[in-house]
PDB file of all heavy atoms in Angstrom:
ATOM      1  N   ARG A   1     -17.874   2.581 -32.502  1.00  0.00           N
ATOM      2  CA  ARG A   1     -17.528   4.002 -32.512  1.00  0.00           C
ATOM      3  C   ARG A   1     -16.020   4.237 -32.430  1.00  0.00           C
ATOM      4  O   ARG A   1     -15.561   5.380 -32.446  1.00  0.00           O
ATOM      5  CB  ARG A   1     -18.210   4.708 -31.335  1.00  0.00           C
ATOM      6  CG  ARG A   1     -19.717   4.849 -31.462  1.00  0.00           C
ATOM      7  CD  ARG A   1     -20.306   5.352 -30.156  1.00  0.00           C
ATOM      8  NE  ARG A   1     -21.723   5.711 -30.275  1.00  0.00           N
ATOM      9  CZ  ARG A   1     -22.494   6.017 -29.238  1.00  0.00           C
ATOM     10  NH1 ARG A   1     -21.986   5.981 -27.993  1.00  0.00           N
ATOM     11  NH2 ARG A   1     -23.766   6.338 -29.428  1.00  0.00           N
ATOM     12  N   GLY A   2     -15.259   3.160 -32.294  1.00  0.00           N
ATOM     13  CA  GLY A   2     -13.814   3.296 -32.203  1.00  0.00           C
ATOM     14  C   GLY A   2     -13.296   3.448 -30.792  1.00  0.00           C
ATOM     15  O   GLY A   2     -12.125   3.777 -30.594  1.00  0.00           O
ATOM     16  N   VAL A   3     -14.157   3.190 -29.800  1.00  0.00           N
ATOM     17  CA  VAL A   3     -13.762   3.300 -28.388  1.00  0.00           C
ATOM     18  C   VAL A   3     -13.331   1.925 -27.893  1.00  0.00           C
ATOM     19  O   VAL A   3     -14.058   0.949 -28.065  1.00  0.00           O
ATOM     20  CB  VAL A   3     -14.924   3.836 -27.524  1.00  0.00           C
ATOM     21  CG1 VAL A   3     -14.497   3.924 -26.060  1.00  0.00           C
ATOM     22  CG2 VAL A   3     -15.386   5.194 -28.045  1.00  0.00           C
ATOM     23  N   ALA A   4     -12.152   1.839 -27.295  1.00  0.00           N
ATOM     24  CA  ALA A   4     -11.612   0.579 -26.797  1.00  0.00           C
ATOM     25  C   ALA A   4     -11.614   0.575 -25.273  1.00  0.00           C
ATOM     26  O   ALA A   4     -11.695   1.634 -24.640  1.00  0.00           O
ATOM     27  CB  ALA A   4     -10.193   0.366 -27.323  1.00  0.00           C
ATOM     28  N   PRO A   5     -11.523  -0.612 -24.665  1.00  0.00           N
ATOM     29  CA  PRO A   5     -11.450  -0.674 -23.205  1.00  0.00           C
ATOM     30  C   PRO A   5     -10.310   0.205 -22.676  1.00  0.00           C
ATOM     31  O   PRO A   5      -9.201   0.170 -23.198  1.00  0.00           O
ATOM     32  CB  PRO A   5     -11.187  -2.163 -22.934  1.00  0.00           C
ATOM     33  CG  PRO A   5     -11.785  -2.867 -24.100  1.00  0.00           C
ATOM     34  CD  PRO A   5     -11.547  -1.971 -25.263  1.00  0.00           C
ATOM     35  N   GLY A   6     -10.619   0.981 -21.654  1.00  0.00           N
ATOM     36  CA  GLY A   6      -9.624   1.897 -21.096  1.00  0.00           C
ATOM     37  C   GLY A   6      -9.728   3.302 -21.641  1.00  0.00           C
ATOM     38  O   GLY A   6      -9.240   4.251 -21.018  1.00  0.00           O
ATOM     39  N   ASP A   7     -10.378   3.468 -22.827  1.00  0.00           N
ATOM     40  CA  ASP A   7     -10.559   4.797 -23.394  1.00  0.00           C
ATOM     41  C   ASP A   7     -11.674   5.538 -22.670  1.00  0.00           C
ATOM     42  O   ASP A   7     -12.553   4.940 -22.055  1.00  0.00           O
ATOM     43  CB  ASP A   7     -10.927   4.708 -24.887  1.00  0.00           C
ATOM     44  CG  ASP A   7      -9.795   4.179 -25.735  1.00  0.00           C
ATOM     45  OD1 ASP A   7      -8.659   4.079 -25.212  1.00  0.00           O
ATOM     46  OD2 ASP A   7     -10.051   3.843 -26.911  1.00  0.00           O
ATOM     47  N   THR A   8     -11.649   6.841 -22.767  1.00  0.00           N
ATOM     48  CA  THR A   8     -12.749   7.650 -22.259  1.00  0.00           C
ATOM     49  C   THR A   8     -14.015   7.307 -23.043  1.00  0.00           C
ATOM     50  O   THR A   8     -13.997   7.225 -24.273  1.00  0.00           O
ATOM     51  CB  THR A   8     -12.443   9.148 -22.426  1.00  0.00           C
ATOM     52  OG1 THR A   8     -11.249   9.451 -21.711  1.00  0.00           O
ATOM     53  CG2 THR A   8     -13.581  10.002 -21.894  1.00  0.00           C
ATOM     54  N   GLY A   9     -15.090   7.087 -22.316  1.00  0.00           N
ATOM     55  CA  GLY A   9     -16.345   6.726 -22.975  1.00  0.00           C
ATOM     56  C   GLY A   9     -16.618   5.241 -23.009  1.00  0.00           C
ATOM     57  O   GLY A   9     -17.696   4.825 -23.459  1.00  0.00           O
ATOM     58  N   TRP A  10     -15.642   4.427 -22.529  1.00  0.00           N
ATOM     59  CA  TRP A  10     -15.912   2.987 -22.483  1.00  0.00           C
ATOM     60  C   TRP A  10     -16.927   2.691 -21.383  1.00  0.00           C
ATOM     61  O   TRP A  10     -16.798   3.205 -20.271  1.00  0.00           O
ATOM     62  CB  TRP A  10     -14.622   2.209 -22.227  1.00  0.00           C
ATOM     63  CG  TRP A  10     -14.849   0.723 -22.201  1.00  0.00           C
ATOM     64  CD1 TRP A  10     -14.918  -0.073 -21.116  1.00  0.00           C
ATOM     65  CD2 TRP A  10     -15.085  -0.131 -23.327  1.00  0.00           C
ATOM     66  NE1 TRP A  10     -15.185  -1.373 -21.478  1.00  0.00           N
ATOM     67  CE2 TRP A  10     -15.295  -1.442 -22.836  1.00  0.00           C
ATOM     68  CE3 TRP A  10     -15.158   0.093 -24.704  1.00  0.00           C
ATOM     69  CZ2 TRP A  10     -15.553  -2.521 -23.663  1.00  0.00           C
ATOM     70  CZ3 TRP A  10     -15.425  -0.998 -25.532  1.00  0.00           C
ATOM     71  CH2 TRP A  10     -15.618  -2.272 -25.025  1.00  0.00           C
ATOM     72  N   PRO A  11     -17.964   1.869 -21.677  1.00  0.00           N
ATOM     73  CA  PRO A  11     -19.006   1.591 -20.676  1.00  0.00           C
ATOM     74  C   PRO A  11     -18.410   0.993 -19.392  1.00  0.00           C
ATOM     75  O   PRO A  11     -17.492   0.169 -19.448  1.00  0.00           O
ATOM     76  CB  PRO A  11     -19.914   0.585 -21.377  1.00  0.00           C
ATOM     77  CG  PRO A  11     -19.643   0.753 -22.832  1.00  0.00           C
ATOM     78  CD  PRO A  11     -18.225   1.177 -22.956  1.00  0.00           C
ATOM     79  N   GLU A  12     -18.963   1.411 -18.265  1.00  0.00           N
ATOM     80  CA  GLU A  12     -18.439   0.980 -16.971  1.00  0.00           C
ATOM     81  C   GLU A  12     -18.459  -0.536 -16.820  1.00  0.00           C
ATOM     82  O   GLU A  12     -17.516  -1.128 -16.288  1.00  0.00           O
ATOM     83  CB  GLU A  12     -19.268   1.615 -15.843  1.00  0.00           C
ATOM     84  CG  GLU A  12     -18.787   1.226 -14.459  1.00  0.00           C
ATOM     85  CD  GLU A  12     -19.622   1.872 -13.360  1.00  0.00           C
ATOM     86  OE1 GLU A  12     -20.525   2.669 -13.688  1.00  0.00           O
ATOM     87  OE2 GLU A  12     -19.364   1.584 -12.174  1.00  0.00           O
ATOM     88  N   ASN A  13     -19.528  -1.182 -17.283  1.00  0.00           N
ATOM     89  CA  ASN A  13     -19.651  -2.634 -17.169  1.00  0.00           C
ATOM     90  C   ASN A  13     -19.521  -3.327 -18.521  1.00  0.00           C
ATOM     91  O   ASN A  13     -20.066  -4.401 -18.747  1.00  0.00           O
ATOM     92  CB  ASN A  13     -21.001  -2.997 -16.539  1.00  0.00           C
ATOM     93  CG  ASN A  13     -21.120  -2.487 -15.117  1.00  0.00           C
ATOM     94  OD1 ASN A  13     -20.205  -2.655 -14.311  1.00  0.00           O
ATOM     95  ND2 ASN A  13     -22.246  -1.843 -14.803  1.00  0.00           N
ATOM     96  N   GLY A  14     -18.772  -2.712 -19.423  1.00  0.00           N
ATOM     97  CA  GLY A  14     -18.632  -3.255 -20.769  1.00  0.00           C
ATOM     98  C   GLY A  14     -17.806  -4.528 -20.812  1.00  0.00           C
ATOM     99  O   GLY A  14     -16.959  -4.771 -19.950  1.00  0.00           O
ATOM    100  N   TYR A  15     -18.080  -5.365 -21.823  1.00  0.00           N
ATOM    101  CA  TYR A  15     -17.318  -6.595 -22.036  1.00  0.00           C
ATOM    102  C   TYR A  15     -16.020  -6.247 -22.763  1.00  0.00           C
ATOM    103  O   TYR A  15     -16.046  -5.625 -23.824  1.00  0.00           O
ATOM    104  CB  TYR A  15     -18.143  -7.606 -22.833  1.00  0.00           C
ATOM    105  CG  TYR A  15     -19.360  -8.104 -22.091  1.00  0.00           C
ATOM    106  CD1 TYR A  15     -20.643  -7.646 -22.403  1.00  0.00           C
ATOM    107  CD2 TYR A  15     -19.233  -9.023 -21.061  1.00  0.00           C
ATOM    108  CE1 TYR A  15     -21.763  -8.101 -21.708  1.00  0.00           C
ATOM    109  CE2 TYR A  15     -20.348  -9.485 -20.353  1.00  0.00           C
ATOM    110  CZ  TYR A  15     -21.595  -9.012 -20.689  1.00  0.00           C
ATOM    111  OH  TYR A  15     -22.693  -9.454 -19.995  1.00  0.00           O
ATOM    112  N   ARG A  16     -14.887  -6.681 -22.208  1.00  0.00           N
ATOM    113  CA  ARG A  16     -13.591  -6.190 -22.669  1.00  0.00           C
ATOM    114  C   ARG A  16     -12.866  -7.133 -23.621  1.00  0.00           C
ATOM    115  O   ARG A  16     -11.799  -6.798 -24.142  1.00  0.00           O
ATOM    116  CB  ARG A  16     -12.706  -5.929 -21.446  1.00  0.00           C
ATOM    117  CG  ARG A  16     -13.364  -5.025 -20.408  1.00  0.00           C
ATOM    118  CD  ARG A  16     -12.535  -4.918 -19.144  1.00  0.00           C
ATOM    119  NE  ARG A  16     -11.339  -4.119 -19.350  1.00  0.00           N
ATOM    120  CZ  ARG A  16     -11.284  -2.794 -19.221  1.00  0.00           C
ATOM    121  NH1 ARG A  16     -12.385  -2.107 -18.918  1.00  0.00           N
ATOM    122  NH2 ARG A  16     -10.164  -2.140 -19.426  1.00  0.00           N
ATOM    123  N   GLY A  17     -13.395  -8.316 -23.855  1.00  0.00           N
ATOM    124  CA  GLY A  17     -12.709  -9.280 -24.709  1.00  0.00           C
ATOM    125  C   GLY A  17     -12.579  -8.812 -26.153  1.00  0.00           C
ATOM    126  O   GLY A  17     -13.382  -8.007 -26.655  1.00  0.00           O
ATOM    127  N   ASP A  18     -11.564  -9.332 -26.843  1.00  0.00           N
ATOM    128  CA  ASP A  18     -11.344  -8.967 -28.242  1.00  0.00           C
ATOM    129  C   ASP A  18     -12.501  -9.389 -29.140  1.00  0.00           C
ATOM    130  O   ASP A  18     -12.691  -8.833 -30.235  1.00  0.00           O
ATOM    131  CB  ASP A  18     -10.056  -9.619 -28.757  1.00  0.00           C
ATOM    132  CG  ASP A  18      -8.801  -8.995 -28.154  1.00  0.00           C
ATOM    133  OD1 ASP A  18      -8.912  -7.890 -27.576  1.00  0.00           O
ATOM    134  OD2 ASP A  18      -7.721  -9.610 -28.257  1.00  0.00           O
ATOM    135  N   TYR A  19     -13.285 -10.378 -28.681  1.00  0.00           N
ATOM    136  CA  TYR A  19     -14.395 -10.844 -29.511  1.00  0.00           C
ATOM    137  C   TYR A  19     -15.424  -9.745 -29.759  1.00  0.00           C
ATOM    138  O   TYR A  19     -16.125  -9.757 -30.776  1.00  0.00           O
ATOM    139  CB  TYR A  19     -15.069 -12.071 -28.879  1.00  0.00           C
ATOM    140  CG  TYR A  19     -15.784 -11.803 -27.581  1.00  0.00           C
ATOM    141  CD1 TYR A  19     -17.130 -11.457 -27.563  1.00  0.00           C
ATOM    142  CD2 TYR A  19     -15.128 -11.896 -26.355  1.00  0.00           C
ATOM    143  CE1 TYR A  19     -17.800 -11.205 -26.376  1.00  0.00           C
ATOM    144  CE2 TYR A  19     -15.784 -11.653 -25.160  1.00  0.00           C
ATOM    145  CZ  TYR A  19     -17.120 -11.300 -25.175  1.00  0.00           C
ATOM    146  OH  TYR A  19     -17.779 -11.049 -23.993  1.00  0.00           O
ATOM    147  N   ILE A  20     -15.525  -8.777 -28.837  1.00  0.00           N
ATOM    148  CA  ILE A  20     -16.459  -7.656 -29.032  1.00  0.00           C
ATOM    149  C   ILE A  20     -16.047  -6.838 -30.254  1.00  0.00           C
ATOM    150  O   ILE A  20     -16.886  -6.374 -31.036  1.00  0.00           O
ATOM    151  CB  ILE A  20     -16.529  -6.770 -27.777  1.00  0.00           C
ATOM    152  CG1 ILE A  20     -17.129  -7.556 -26.599  1.00  0.00           C
ATOM    153  CG2 ILE A  20     -17.360  -5.516 -28.040  1.00  0.00           C
ATOM    154  CD1 ILE A  20     -18.579  -7.953 -26.782  1.00  0.00           C
ATOM    155  N   ALA A  21     -14.734  -6.661 -30.433  1.00  0.00           N
ATOM    156  CA  ALA A  21     -14.244  -5.950 -31.613  1.00  0.00           C
ATOM    157  C   ALA A  21     -14.612  -6.710 -32.883  1.00  0.00           C
ATOM    158  O   ALA A  21     -14.947  -6.093 -33.914  1.00  0.00           O
ATOM    159  CB  ALA A  21     -12.734  -5.757 -31.524  1.00  0.00           C
ATOM    160  N   ASP A  22     -14.575  -8.046 -32.829  1.00  0.00           N
ATOM    161  CA  ASP A  22     -14.957  -8.852 -33.990  1.00  0.00           C
ATOM    162  C   ASP A  22     -16.436  -8.659 -34.324  1.00  0.00           C
ATOM    163  O   ASP A  22     -16.809  -8.566 -35.504  1.00  0.00           O
ATOM    164  CB  ASP A  22     -14.687 -10.331 -33.717  1.00  0.00           C
ATOM    165  CG  ASP A  22     -13.209 -10.636 -33.520  1.00  0.00           C
ATOM    166  OD1 ASP A  22     -12.380  -9.856 -34.027  1.00  0.00           O
ATOM    167  OD2 ASP A  22     -12.903 -11.655 -32.871  1.00  0.00           O
ATOM    168  N   VAL A  23     -17.285  -8.602 -33.290  1.00  0.00           N
ATOM    169  CA  VAL A  23     -18.720  -8.393 -33.511  1.00  0.00           C
ATOM    170  C   VAL A  23     -18.952  -7.032 -34.155  1.00  0.00           C
ATOM    171  O   VAL A  23     -19.711  -6.906 -35.130  1.00  0.00           O
ATOM    172  CB  VAL A  23     -19.501  -8.505 -32.184  1.00  0.00           C
ATOM    173  CG1 VAL A  23     -20.994  -8.219 -32.424  1.00  0.00           C
ATOM    174  CG2 VAL A  23     -19.328  -9.869 -31.553  1.00  0.00           C
ATOM    175  N   ALA A  24     -18.300  -6.004 -33.612  1.00  0.00           N
ATOM    176  CA  ALA A  24     -18.483  -4.643 -34.133  1.00  0.00           C
ATOM    177  C   ALA A  24     -18.013  -4.538 -35.588  1.00  0.00           C
ATOM    178  O   ALA A  24     -18.670  -3.896 -36.427  1.00  0.00           O
ATOM    179  CB  ALA A  24     -17.728  -3.652 -33.257  1.00  0.00           C
ATOM    180  N   LYS A  25     -16.889  -5.172 -35.875  1.00  0.00           N
ATOM    181  CA  LYS A  25     -16.358  -5.136 -37.240  1.00  0.00           C
ATOM    182  C   LYS A  25     -17.335  -5.788 -38.218  1.00  0.00           C
ATOM    183  O   LYS A  25     -17.583  -5.252 -39.322  1.00  0.00           O
ATOM    184  CB  LYS A  25     -15.011  -5.864 -37.278  1.00  0.00           C
ATOM    185  CG  LYS A  25     -14.336  -5.865 -38.648  1.00  0.00           C
ATOM    186  CD  LYS A  25     -12.988  -6.571 -38.580  1.00  0.00           C
ATOM    187  CE  LYS A  25     -12.324  -6.604 -39.962  1.00  0.00           C
ATOM    188  NZ  LYS A  25     -11.010  -7.319 -39.921  1.00  0.00           N
ATOM    189  N   ALA A  26     -17.905  -6.934 -37.842  1.00  0.00           N
ATOM    190  CA  ALA A  26     -18.863  -7.624 -38.704  1.00  0.00           C
ATOM    191  C   ALA A  26     -20.132  -6.791 -38.885  1.00  0.00           C
ATOM    192  O   ALA A  26     -20.711  -6.746 -39.981  1.00  0.00           O
ATOM    193  CB  ALA A  26     -19.204  -8.995 -38.113  1.00  0.00           C
ATOM    194  N   TYR A  27     -20.564  -6.120 -37.807  1.00  0.00           N
ATOM    195  CA  TYR A  27     -21.760  -5.270 -37.872  1.00  0.00           C
ATOM    196  C   TYR A  27     -21.548  -4.116 -38.839  1.00  0.00           C
ATOM    197  O   TYR A  27     -22.410  -3.817 -39.696  1.00  0.00           O
ATOM    198  CB  TYR A  27     -22.099  -4.739 -36.479  1.00  0.00           C
ATOM    199  CG  TYR A  27     -23.198  -3.710 -36.455  1.00  0.00           C
ATOM    200  CD1 TYR A  27     -24.535  -4.088 -36.528  1.00  0.00           C
ATOM    201  CD2 TYR A  27     -22.897  -2.346 -36.367  1.00  0.00           C
ATOM    202  CE1 TYR A  27     -25.551  -3.134 -36.513  1.00  0.00           C
ATOM    203  CE2 TYR A  27     -23.901  -1.390 -36.350  1.00  0.00           C
ATOM    204  CZ  TYR A  27     -25.226  -1.787 -36.428  1.00  0.00           C
ATOM    205  OH  TYR A  27     -26.228  -0.834 -36.414  1.00  0.00           O
ATOM    206  N   LEU A  28     -20.411  -3.457 -38.725  1.00  0.00           N
ATOM    207  CA  LEU A  28     -20.119  -2.305 -39.594  1.00  0.00           C
ATOM    208  C   LEU A  28     -19.927  -2.728 -41.052  1.00  0.00           C
ATOM    209  O   LEU A  28     -20.153  -1.928 -41.972  1.00  0.00           O
ATOM    210  CB  LEU A  28     -18.874  -1.586 -39.096  1.00  0.00           C
ATOM    211  CG  LEU A  28     -19.015  -0.854 -37.752  1.00  0.00           C
ATOM    212  CD1 LEU A  28     -17.666  -0.323 -37.291  1.00  0.00           C
ATOM    213  CD2 LEU A  28     -20.041   0.274 -37.849  1.00  0.00           C
ATOM    214  N   ALA A  29     -19.513  -3.989 -41.259  1.00  0.00           N
ATOM    215  CA  ALA A  29     -19.314  -4.486 -42.621  1.00  0.00           C
ATOM    216  C   ALA A  29     -20.621  -4.933 -43.260  1.00  0.00           C
ATOM    217  O   ALA A  29     -20.656  -5.266 -44.448  1.00  0.00           O
ATOM    218  CB  ALA A  29     -18.324  -5.642 -42.613  1.00  0.00           C
ATOM    219  N   GLY A  30     -21.708  -4.943 -42.467  1.00  0.00           N
ATOM    220  CA  GLY A  30     -22.997  -5.374 -43.003  1.00  0.00           C
ATOM    221  C   GLY A  30     -23.100  -6.864 -43.199  1.00  0.00           C
ATOM    222  O   GLY A  30     -23.881  -7.337 -44.047  1.00  0.00           O
ATOM    223  N   ASP A  31     -22.331  -7.622 -42.419  1.00  0.00           N
ATOM    224  CA  ASP A  31     -22.381  -9.080 -42.536  1.00  0.00           C
ATOM    225  C   ASP A  31     -23.768  -9.593 -42.145  1.00  0.00           C
ATOM    226  O   ASP A  31     -24.505  -8.943 -41.390  1.00  0.00           O
ATOM    227  CB  ASP A  31     -21.339  -9.722 -41.614  1.00  0.00           C
ATOM    228  CG  ASP A  31     -19.916  -9.513 -42.127  1.00  0.00           C
ATOM    229  OD1 ASP A  31     -19.766  -8.952 -43.227  1.00  0.00           O
ATOM    230  OD2 ASP A  31     -18.966  -9.898 -41.406  1.00  0.00           O
ATOM    231  N   SER A  32     -24.098 -10.784 -42.650  1.00  0.00           N
ATOM    232  CA  SER A  32     -25.362 -11.424 -42.275  1.00  0.00           C
ATOM    233  C   SER A  32     -25.061 -12.621 -41.375  1.00  0.00           C
ATOM    234  O   SER A  32     -24.079 -13.339 -41.581  1.00  0.00           O
ATOM    235  CB  SER A  32     -26.143 -11.867 -43.516  1.00  0.00           C
ATOM    236  OG  SER A  32     -25.421 -12.842 -44.240  1.00  0.00           O
ATOM    237  N   VAL A  33     -25.915 -12.803 -40.387  1.00  0.00           N
ATOM    238  CA  VAL A  33     -25.752 -13.900 -39.437  1.00  0.00           C
ATOM    239  C   VAL A  33     -27.071 -14.669 -39.390  1.00  0.00           C
ATOM    240  O   VAL A  33     -28.128 -14.076 -39.151  1.00  0.00           O
ATOM    241  CB  VAL A  33     -25.400 -13.382 -38.031  1.00  0.00           C
ATOM    242  CG1 VAL A  33     -25.329 -14.546 -37.051  1.00  0.00           C
ATOM    243  CG2 VAL A  33     -24.090 -12.612 -38.049  1.00  0.00           C
ATOM    244  N   THR A  34     -26.997 -15.974 -39.587  1.00  0.00           N
ATOM    245  CA  THR A  34     -28.204 -16.806 -39.539  1.00  0.00           C
ATOM    246  C   THR A  34     -28.137 -17.721 -38.324  1.00  0.00           C
ATOM    247  O   THR A  34     -27.162 -18.454 -38.131  1.00  0.00           O
ATOM    248  CB  THR A  34     -28.347 -17.647 -40.812  1.00  0.00           C
ATOM    249  OG1 THR A  34     -28.436 -16.775 -41.946  1.00  0.00           O
ATOM    250  CG2 THR A  34     -29.593 -18.519 -40.746  1.00  0.00           C
ATOM    251  N   VAL A  35     -29.174 -17.659 -37.503  1.00  0.00           N
ATOM    252  CA  VAL A  35     -29.309 -18.524 -36.344  1.00  0.00           C
ATOM    253  C   VAL A  35     -30.668 -19.195 -36.442  1.00  0.00           C
ATOM    254  O   VAL A  35     -31.694 -18.508 -36.519  1.00  0.00           O
ATOM    255  CB  VAL A  35     -29.194 -17.736 -35.030  1.00  0.00           C
ATOM    256  CG1 VAL A  35     -29.318 -18.674 -33.838  1.00  0.00           C
ATOM    257  CG2 VAL A  35     -27.872 -16.986 -34.962  1.00  0.00           C
ATOM    258  N   GLU A  36     -30.664 -20.534 -36.433  1.00  0.00           N
ATOM    259  CA  GLU A  36     -31.877 -21.297 -36.718  1.00  0.00           C
ATOM    260  C   GLU A  36     -32.421 -20.817 -38.070  1.00  0.00           C
ATOM    261  O   GLU A  36     -31.717 -20.840 -39.066  1.00  0.00           O
ATOM    262  CB  GLU A  36     -32.884 -21.150 -35.579  1.00  0.00           C
ATOM    263  CG  GLU A  36     -32.393 -21.759 -34.251  1.00  0.00           C
ATOM    264  CD  GLU A  36     -33.408 -21.640 -33.141  1.00  0.00           C
ATOM    265  OE1 GLU A  36     -34.317 -22.479 -33.097  1.00  0.00           O
ATOM    266  OE2 GLU A  36     -33.288 -20.725 -32.321  1.00  0.00           O
ATOM    267  N   ASP A  37     -33.648 -20.312 -38.124  1.00  0.00           N
ATOM    268  CA  ASP A  37     -34.210 -19.866 -39.408  1.00  0.00           C
ATOM    269  C   ASP A  37     -34.281 -18.344 -39.496  1.00  0.00           C
ATOM    270  O   ASP A  37     -35.011 -17.798 -40.335  1.00  0.00           O
ATOM    271  CB  ASP A  37     -35.624 -20.456 -39.589  1.00  0.00           C
ATOM    272  CG  ASP A  37     -35.607 -21.961 -39.659  1.00  0.00           C
ATOM    273  OD1 ASP A  37     -34.636 -22.508 -40.205  1.00  0.00           O
ATOM    274  OD2 ASP A  37     -36.551 -22.595 -39.148  1.00  0.00           O
ATOM    275  N   HIS A  38     -33.518 -17.671 -38.648  1.00  0.00           N
ATOM    276  CA  HIS A  38     -33.606 -16.219 -38.560  1.00  0.00           C
ATOM    277  C   HIS A  38     -32.283 -15.595 -38.989  1.00  0.00           C
ATOM    278  O   HIS A  38     -31.221 -15.981 -38.501  1.00  0.00           O
ATOM    279  CB  HIS A  38     -33.943 -15.811 -37.126  1.00  0.00           C
ATOM    280  CG  HIS A  38     -34.096 -14.340 -36.928  1.00  0.00           C
ATOM    281  ND1 HIS A  38     -35.026 -13.585 -37.598  1.00  0.00           N
ATOM    282  CD2 HIS A  38     -33.412 -13.465 -36.123  1.00  0.00           C
ATOM    283  CE1 HIS A  38     -34.932 -12.328 -37.219  1.00  0.00           C
ATOM    284  NE2 HIS A  38     -33.953 -12.229 -36.329  1.00  0.00           N
ATOM    285  N   THR A  39     -32.324 -14.647 -39.893  1.00  0.00           N
ATOM    286  CA  THR A  39     -31.117 -13.975 -40.384  1.00  0.00           C
ATOM    287  C   THR A  39     -31.128 -12.509 -39.955  1.00  0.00           C
ATOM    288  O   THR A  39     -32.137 -11.823 -40.097  1.00  0.00           O
ATOM    289  CB  THR A  39     -31.016 -14.052 -41.918  1.00  0.00           C
ATOM    290  OG1 THR A  39     -30.941 -15.427 -42.319  1.00  0.00           O
ATOM    291  CG2 THR A  39     -29.769 -13.326 -42.413  1.00  0.00           C
ATOM    292  N   VAL A  40     -29.993 -12.066 -39.425  1.00  0.00           N
ATOM    293  CA  VAL A  40     -29.826 -10.677 -39.014  1.00  0.00           C
ATOM    294  C   VAL A  40     -28.670 -10.086 -39.818  1.00  0.00           C
ATOM    295  O   VAL A  40     -27.601 -10.697 -39.914  1.00  0.00           O
ATOM    296  CB  VAL A  40     -29.519 -10.566 -37.503  1.00  0.00           C
ATOM    297  CG1 VAL A  40     -29.308  -9.107 -37.109  1.00  0.00           C
ATOM    298  CG2 VAL A  40     -30.641 -11.183 -36.682  1.00  0.00           C
ATOM    299  N   ILE A  41     -28.878  -8.910 -40.378  1.00  0.00           N
ATOM    300  CA  ILE A  41     -27.866  -8.242 -41.193  1.00  0.00           C
ATOM    301  C   ILE A  41     -27.390  -6.998 -40.468  1.00  0.00           C
ATOM    302  O   ILE A  41     -28.196  -6.220 -39.941  1.00  0.00           O
ATOM    303  CB  ILE A  41     -28.426  -7.866 -42.578  1.00  0.00           C
ATOM    304  CG1 ILE A  41     -28.890  -9.126 -43.317  1.00  0.00           C
ATOM    305  CG2 ILE A  41     -27.378  -7.114 -43.401  1.00  0.00           C
ATOM    306  CD1 ILE A  41     -29.593  -8.837 -44.645  1.00  0.00           C
ATOM    307  N   GLY A  42     -26.077  -6.814 -40.407  1.00  0.00           N
ATOM    308  CA  GLY A  42     -25.509  -5.637 -39.767  1.00  0.00           C
ATOM    309  C   GLY A  42     -25.975  -4.353 -40.435  1.00  0.00           C
ATOM    310  O   GLY A  42     -25.859  -4.221 -41.658  1.00  0.00           O
TER     311      GLY A  42
END
């Protein structure tokens, strides 16, 4: 949603690492992720 750590609306117990931004970016781009034999598409 464009909310970063420290912004209003950031979850109280949210994970603050930059890797979360990478996950969100891949999700919004519709990337596909395969783990074992299971594929999930953003």
